[in-house]
Amino acid sequence: MMPIDDPTPERLRRIPSRQLTQAAAHAHRIVAHRLADFRTHHYAVMAALDEAGPCSQAALGRMCRMDRSDIVTAVDDLAARGLVVRSPDETDRRRNTVSLTPEGSGMLRHLDEQVRLAQDDLFEPLSPEERAHLASLLGRVLEYHTHLDGTH
């Protein structure tokens, strides 16, 4: 609920897309604070590698819905920290395969906990049932527009 002294015009407060944008700004700030010196794209790359296993940077980009240059930067950052390694692809020597290191797996577990805490911070005013319902609704909206846009 908005504070009584909120100067935002009522008309704007009733627009769901604006509410979503405002909530996303809070979500970004809260998650960034919890991740400390990591960024959300670092977390996304590590989570994708944990789930999919070793893969190419191009595959990582598709899974994380990130631009190629952003994937390269994220992988460079993570490799410099010893959290991922690049190795020649066994089927195509022109490509590199990116893998999560044991240190990367440990850091991912830590970041998973930080992201969970960020969700608790952000959604504190909601009950567990309301959180699940909101996640379901947002998932439907994202799925619909992802399908319409032809993105994966």
C-alpha atoms as a PDB file:
ATOM      1  CA  MET A   1       0.000   0.000   0.000  1.00  0.00           C
ATOM      2  CA  MET A   2       1.251   3.499  -0.838  1.00  0.00           C
ATOM      3  CA  PRO A   3       1.931   5.917   2.006  1.00  0.00           C
ATOM      4  CA  ILE A   4      -0.814   8.486   2.544  1.00  0.00           C
ATOM      5  CA  ASP A   5       1.630  11.307   1.803  1.00  0.00           C
ATOM      6  CA  ASP A   6       2.614   9.782  -1.566  1.00  0.00           C
ATOM      7  CA  PRO A   7       2.481  12.636  -4.104  1.00  0.00           C
ATOM      8  CA  THR A   8       1.990  10.261  -7.055  1.00  0.00           C
ATOM      9  CA  PRO A   9      -1.289  11.030  -8.840  1.00  0.00           C
ATOM     10  CA  GLU A  10      -3.967   8.406  -8.209  1.00  0.00           C
ATOM     11  CA  ARG A  11      -4.324   7.817 -11.949  1.00  0.00           C
ATOM     12  CA  LEU A  12      -0.681   6.724 -12.117  1.00  0.00           C
ATOM     13  CA  ARG A  13      -0.927   4.552  -9.005  1.00  0.00           C
ATOM     14  CA  ARG A  14      -3.718   2.543 -10.670  1.00  0.00           C
ATOM     15  CA  ILE A  15      -1.696   1.568 -13.774  1.00  0.00           C
ATOM     16  CA  PRO A  16      -0.397  -1.994 -13.321  1.00  0.00           C
ATOM     17  CA  SER A  17       2.469  -1.599 -15.808  1.00  0.00           C
ATOM     18  CA  ARG A  18       3.685   1.457 -13.899  1.00  0.00           C
ATOM     19  CA  GLN A  19       3.378  -0.418 -10.605  1.00  0.00           C
ATOM     20  CA  LEU A  20       5.407  -3.244 -12.120  1.00  0.00           C
ATOM     21  CA  THR A  21       8.094  -0.816 -13.284  1.00  0.00           C
ATOM     22  CA  GLN A  22       8.281   0.794  -9.855  1.00  0.00           C
ATOM     23  CA  ALA A  23       8.414  -2.608  -8.129  1.00  0.00           C
ATOM     24  CA  ALA A  24      11.141  -3.724 -10.562  1.00  0.00           C
ATOM     25  CA  ALA A  25      13.253  -0.715  -9.576  1.00  0.00           C
ATOM     26  CA  HIS A  26      12.919  -1.700  -5.911  1.00  0.00           C
ATOM     27  CA  ALA A  27      13.680  -5.334  -6.775  1.00  0.00           C
ATOM     28  CA  HIS A  28      16.833  -4.350  -8.654  1.00  0.00           C
ATOM     29  CA  ARG A  29      18.059  -2.191  -5.774  1.00  0.00           C
ATOM     30  CA  ILE A  30      17.354  -4.845  -3.135  1.00  0.00           C
ATOM     31  CA  VAL A  31      18.921  -7.697  -5.116  1.00  0.00           C
ATOM     32  CA  ALA A  32      21.968  -5.585  -6.034  1.00  0.00           C
ATOM     33  CA  HIS A  33      22.482  -4.765  -2.359  1.00  0.00           C
ATOM     34  CA  ARG A  34      22.299  -8.451  -1.379  1.00  0.00           C
ATOM     35  CA  LEU A  35      24.640  -9.568  -4.176  1.00  0.00           C
ATOM     36  CA  ALA A  36      27.244  -7.012  -2.996  1.00  0.00           C
ATOM     37  CA  ASP A  37      30.150  -7.050  -5.471  1.00  0.00           C
ATOM     38  CA  PHE A  38      28.394  -9.431  -7.873  1.00  0.00           C
ATOM     39  CA  ARG A  39      25.865  -8.371 -10.492  1.00  0.00           C
ATOM     40  CA  THR A  40      22.647 -10.051 -11.522  1.00  0.00           C
ATOM     41  CA  HIS A  41      24.228 -11.146 -14.816  1.00  0.00           C
ATOM     42  CA  HIS A  42      27.008 -12.942 -12.879  1.00  0.00           C
ATOM     43  CA  TYR A  43      24.358 -14.783 -10.892  1.00  0.00           C
ATOM     44  CA  ALA A  44      22.383 -15.625 -14.053  1.00  0.00           C
ATOM     45  CA  VAL A  45      25.436 -17.092 -15.802  1.00  0.00           C
ATOM     46  CA  MET A  46      26.414 -19.178 -12.782  1.00  0.00           C
ATOM     47  CA  ALA A  47      22.839 -20.422 -12.286  1.00  0.00           C
ATOM     48  CA  ALA A  48      22.578 -21.378 -15.976  1.00  0.00           C
ATOM     49  CA  LEU A  49      25.878 -23.283 -15.847  1.00  0.00           C
ATOM     50  CA  ASP A  50      24.801 -25.080 -12.688  1.00  0.00           C
ATOM     51  CA  GLU A  51      21.549 -26.173 -14.300  1.00  0.00           C
ATOM     52  CA  ALA A  52      22.755 -26.915 -17.846  1.00  0.00           C
ATOM     53  CA  GLY A  53      26.349 -27.935 -17.246  1.00  0.00           C
ATOM     54  CA  PRO A  54      29.275 -26.843 -19.426  1.00  0.00           C
ATOM     55  CA  CYS A  55      28.165 -24.970 -22.528  1.00  0.00           C
ATOM     56  CA  SER A  56      29.212 -22.378 -25.081  1.00  0.00           C
ATOM     57  CA  GLN A  57      28.971 -18.651 -24.474  1.00  0.00           C
ATOM     58  CA  ALA A  58      26.356 -18.486 -27.245  1.00  0.00           C
ATOM     59  CA  ALA A  59      24.209 -21.059 -25.417  1.00  0.00           C
ATOM     60  CA  LEU A  60      24.672 -19.119 -22.170  1.00  0.00           C
ATOM     61  CA  GLY A  61      23.481 -15.967 -23.912  1.00  0.00           C
ATOM     62  CA  ARG A  62      20.321 -17.706 -25.097  1.00  0.00           C
ATOM     63  CA  MET A  63      19.605 -19.268 -21.695  1.00  0.00           C
ATOM     64  CA  CYS A  64      20.185 -16.009 -19.807  1.00  0.00           C
ATOM     65  CA  ARG A  65      18.628 -13.821 -22.531  1.00  0.00           C
ATOM     66  CA  MET A  66      21.759 -11.704 -22.572  1.00  0.00           C
ATOM     67  CA  ASP A  67      23.589  -9.985 -25.405  1.00  0.00           C
ATOM     68  CA  ARG A  68      26.800 -11.635 -26.594  1.00  0.00           C
ATOM     69  CA  SER A  69      29.026  -8.788 -25.365  1.00  0.00           C
ATOM     70  CA  ASP A  70      27.386  -8.910 -21.914  1.00  0.00           C
ATOM     71  CA  ILE A  71      27.970 -12.678 -21.712  1.00  0.00           C
ATOM     72  CA  VAL A  72      31.637 -12.217 -22.636  1.00  0.00           C
ATOM     73  CA  THR A  73      32.031  -9.552 -19.941  1.00  0.00           C
ATOM     74  CA  ALA A  74      30.270 -11.677 -17.309  1.00  0.00           C
ATOM     75  CA  VAL A  75      32.321 -14.778 -18.154  1.00  0.00           C
ATOM     76  CA  ASP A  76      35.536 -12.712 -18.133  1.00  0.00           C
ATOM     77  CA  ASP A  77      34.646 -11.342 -14.682  1.00  0.00           C
ATOM     78  CA  LEU A  78      33.780 -14.774 -13.304  1.00  0.00           C
ATOM     79  CA  ALA A  79      36.886 -16.388 -14.825  1.00  0.00           C
ATOM     80  CA  ALA A  80      39.089 -13.707 -13.244  1.00  0.00           C
ATOM     81  CA  ARG A  81      37.605 -14.695  -9.865  1.00  0.00           C
ATOM     82  CA  GLY A  82      38.184 -18.400 -10.515  1.00  0.00           C
ATOM     83  CA  LEU A  83      34.447 -19.139 -10.511  1.00  0.00           C
ATOM     84  CA  VAL A  84      34.242 -20.400 -14.116  1.00  0.00           C
ATOM     85  CA  VAL A  85      36.761 -21.796 -16.592  1.00  0.00           C
ATOM     86  CA  ARG A  86      36.868 -21.753 -20.363  1.00  0.00           C
ATOM     87  CA  SER A  87      38.136 -24.805 -22.193  1.00  0.00           C
ATOM     88  CA  PRO A  88      38.186 -25.806 -25.867  1.00  0.00           C
ATOM     89  CA  ASP A  89      34.953 -27.454 -27.002  1.00  0.00           C
ATOM     90  CA  GLU A  90      35.704 -31.120 -27.713  1.00  0.00           C
ATOM     91  CA  THR A  91      33.392 -31.190 -30.751  1.00  0.00           C
ATOM     92  CA  ASP A  92      34.340 -27.794 -32.222  1.00  0.00           C
ATOM     93  CA  ARG A  93      37.817 -26.494 -31.388  1.00  0.00           C
ATOM     94  CA  ARG A  94      36.846 -23.012 -32.629  1.00  0.00           C
ATOM     95  CA  ARG A  95      34.532 -22.632 -29.641  1.00  0.00           C
ATOM     96  CA  ASN A  96      35.121 -22.488 -25.927  1.00  0.00           C
ATOM     97  CA  THR A  97      33.025 -24.285 -23.366  1.00  0.00           C
ATOM     98  CA  VAL A  98      32.382 -22.512 -20.079  1.00  0.00           C
ATOM     99  CA  SER A  99      32.161 -24.542 -16.859  1.00  0.00           C
ATOM    100  CA  LEU A 100      31.465 -23.708 -13.246  1.00  0.00           C
ATOM    101  CA  THR A 101      34.426 -24.440 -10.943  1.00  0.00           C
ATOM    102  CA  PRO A 102      33.999 -25.977  -7.480  1.00  0.00           C
ATOM    103  CA  GLU A 103      34.619 -22.471  -6.090  1.00  0.00           C
ATOM    104  CA  GLY A 104      31.917 -21.193  -8.432  1.00  0.00           C
ATOM    105  CA  SER A 105      29.471 -23.812  -7.159  1.00  0.00           C
ATOM    106  CA  GLY A 106      30.175 -22.734  -3.591  1.00  0.00           C
ATOM    107  CA  MET A 107      29.743 -19.064  -4.443  1.00  0.00           C
ATOM    108  CA  LEU A 108      26.508 -19.842  -6.284  1.00  0.00           C
ATOM    109  CA  ARG A 109      25.102 -21.485  -3.143  1.00  0.00           C
ATOM    110  CA  HIS A 110      25.989 -18.318  -1.204  1.00  0.00           C
ATOM    111  CA  LEU A 111      24.403 -16.097  -3.874  1.00  0.00           C
ATOM    112  CA  ASP A 112      21.292 -18.321  -3.948  1.00  0.00           C
ATOM    113  CA  GLU A 113      20.841 -17.570  -0.260  1.00  0.00           C
ATOM    114  CA  GLN A 114      21.353 -13.842  -0.839  1.00  0.00           C
ATOM    115  CA  VAL A 115      18.767 -13.848  -3.640  1.00  0.00           C
ATOM    116  CA  ARG A 116      16.344 -15.735  -1.371  1.00  0.00           C
ATOM    117  CA  LEU A 117      16.861 -13.104   1.327  1.00  0.00           C
ATOM    118  CA  ALA A 118      16.313 -10.350  -1.250  1.00  0.00           C
ATOM    119  CA  GLN A 119      12.989 -11.958  -2.189  1.00  0.00           C
ATOM    120  CA  ASP A 120      12.025 -11.963   1.480  1.00  0.00           C
ATOM    121  CA  ASP A 121      12.981  -8.274   1.750  1.00  0.00           C
ATOM    122  CA  LEU A 122      11.056  -7.293  -1.372  1.00  0.00           C
ATOM    123  CA  PHE A 123       7.928  -9.326  -0.727  1.00  0.00           C
ATOM    124  CA  GLU A 124       7.780  -8.885   3.050  1.00  0.00           C
ATOM    125  CA  PRO A 125       4.227  -7.454   2.972  1.00  0.00           C
ATOM    126  CA  LEU A 126       2.894 -10.538   1.125  1.00  0.00           C
ATOM    127  CA  SER A 127       1.911 -13.898   2.564  1.00  0.00           C
ATOM    128  CA  PRO A 128       3.543 -17.037   1.107  1.00  0.00           C
ATOM    129  CA  GLU A 129       0.331 -17.728  -0.821  1.00  0.00           C
ATOM    130  CA  GLU A 130       0.272 -14.195  -2.240  1.00  0.00           C
ATOM    131  CA  ARG A 131       3.938 -14.500  -3.254  1.00  0.00           C
ATOM    132  CA  ALA A 132       3.234 -17.760  -5.076  1.00  0.00           C
ATOM    133  CA  HIS A 133       0.189 -16.246  -6.794  1.00  0.00           C
ATOM    134  CA  LEU A 134       2.157 -13.157  -7.871  1.00  0.00           C
ATOM    135  CA  ALA A 135       4.980 -15.337  -9.230  1.00  0.00           C
ATOM    136  CA  SER A 136       2.439 -17.398 -11.167  1.00  0.00           C
ATOM    137  CA  LEU A 137       0.777 -14.310 -12.660  1.00  0.00           C
ATOM    138  CA  LEU A 138       4.103 -12.714 -13.607  1.00  0.00           C
ATOM    139  CA  GLY A 139       5.210 -16.002 -15.148  1.00  0.00           C
ATOM    140  CA  ARG A 140       2.094 -16.070 -17.327  1.00  0.00           C
ATOM    141  CA  VAL A 141       2.643 -12.488 -18.497  1.00  0.00           C
ATOM    142  CA  LEU A 142       6.297 -13.200 -19.301  1.00  0.00           C
ATOM    143  CA  GLU A 143       5.478 -16.448 -21.096  1.00  0.00           C
ATOM    144  CA  TYR A 144       2.806 -14.734 -23.190  1.00  0.00           C
ATOM    145  CA  HIS A 145       5.049 -11.886 -24.285  1.00  0.00           C
ATOM    146  CA  THR A 146       8.085 -14.110 -24.788  1.00  0.00           C
ATOM    147  CA  HIS A 147       5.984 -16.246 -27.124  1.00  0.00           C
ATOM    148  CA  LEU A 148       4.658 -13.174 -28.958  1.00  0.00           C
ATOM    149  CA  ASP A 149       8.140 -11.713 -29.357  1.00  0.00           C
ATOM    150  CA  GLY A 150       9.510 -15.008 -30.604  1.00  0.00           C
ATOM    151  CA  THR A 151      12.267 -14.941 -27.996  1.00  0.00           C
ATOM    152  CA  HIS A 152      13.309 -17.949 -25.974  1.00  0.00           C
END
